[in-house]
């Protein structure tokens, strides 16, 4: 459907039975997010909040809450967009199959953005930040945030839509030291396109002009989160996915999307920062308060009957998980096509996406001889860790391809890897490097380490399917649980900053006398609660990899270092206990959960979900 507006999409969903309206007044301070969370967890429909406390504007959420709903929204354009992305990855396909790709080329031409259209809709009115639904998502959030912004910037050397970047960077509207209606916080992380634009503006001592689009046809929102191939702009991608051209104009030197529901314009001055956060983020913890760019608000525009879209992030799965599924469906084999030898890569959603990558690669370096150790796999790993958002990963597990092996089944993939990893040879560290801004497991903001665990297709151990006697009743860690074959979680002794490294080294050294009995154990995880860790694979992935930094927290039984290479003869040991420098986890507010029950009782708008 070529939706003319966000409201047109919502009406289409309503006709299809995929939308619910909440008519009661709902507080944006916690209640709207709690409602969203409950409906999302139930696999429910998109939500329209028709009576937002403190604002005259309606709001909507859970628009992309299921992959099926996204496929419905983009049902007429998805295949053409997939073809266009494939064509960017394989340009020769157009020459090999010119007729088959004619429609794709035509769709791209029809998606080109329109600048200053003569009959473009005009944004209806000027408003203020305080008029908007100021949505606070988690109890400890520093204020209200925009969680589905489309942040538009341009290259100051080559201004114009053709050289623009549209990204989804969270925006803090209120709280902290921000002057309401005059200042907002602009949070962006490493390796983001907006950072290039700000660097260029700073070099010329110019203010960076920023336009924040909110709402509009949903294709524009998806474009803001897409990892697009080089040369395919967000504006063109949005037009192809929407099945129509998007329209832009300029007002006071700022780009205005005339299709958006809201547009916030402003400038970022060189060196201007203020504390931003905390914010409950997608790793399942709060990202804490740090200084980020300060945006001086210029104007705020709203279209007639505008609707404010939002989402909620937190410990996966959340709606952004479904975004990831849609992205994977669209891009398909884009990354494997870009990185020679890479067959498959998966950013593990259950672990918060960035902490862990699973990958499968080919070993083709010595076809005249049997593969004896990872070779091409390490080249592929280096390429992955130097590519876009993949570069934020801490743990990269990469295995040699094998029939039926997939990265999307974590337990099966980890079993394959742990059966084959030779810990004397196959562990490769990158110390003192960059990690995700939102990850507090390292030794400072954006600072931490990485490790590559690479395995060829030669088993070296048979994994045990029960806890061996040699691990039971160990001093300090009385609770011992089998997570999966070859993996044991142990808890009891809390983390102590001053003695932690010595304690874990002593623990690992104490296991050397039982090393033979541990032959079937590949990984021991020291944690806060072994029963939680072992309850689900999701718990294990989240608690292990969000709470550990490879260089600091990875140990081994029979560990040694030779020529600056670290290895061990027995199981790996990961210290995944909560540490003082970790951010607090996201917890629901019982009072808010109790307050929203009125909506789910008999007669309430959400009665059918009660």
Foldseek 3Di string as FASTA:
>chain_A
DLDLFLVSLQVVCVVVVQEFEFADEAELAAQVLLVQVLQLVVVGHKYKYCHYPQANAIAIECCLSALVSVCVLLVPQLVLLLVLQVCLLPVCVCVVCVVVCVVSVVLLVQAAAAEPDPPFADFDDFDFLSNDRQHANFPFKQTGKFQQKFKKFAAPVDDDDQRIATAGWMKAQDGDPDDHRWKIFTDDWPQDPVVVRVVNCVVVQHWTKMKIFFTFRCLLSLLRHAPGRPPQHSSSSSSSSSVHYWYWYDDPRHIDGSRGQKMWIWTWGPPAWDWHIQGAAQLQFTLHTDIGTMTTTDTMTGHPSGYGYHFDHHQDDGSVVSSVVSNCSSNPCSVCSVQDFWDDKFQDSLQSRAAEMETEGADDPCPPDDDDWDDVQVVSVVVQCVDRSSVQYAEYEYEYDDPPDDVVPPVVSVQQLLQFFQQAPFKDKAAFAFHIQRFQQADDRRTFIHIYGYGYRDGDAAFAQADFPLPDPDPQWHDWDDQGGQEIETEGHAADVVCRVVVVVVVLQVSLVVQVSSRNHAEYEYEHDRCQCNVDVSSVSHQQRSQHGCVVFKDHRQWDADPNDIGHRGHIYGYSYHDPRGGGGGDRDVVSSVVNVVQCPPPHSNVVSD
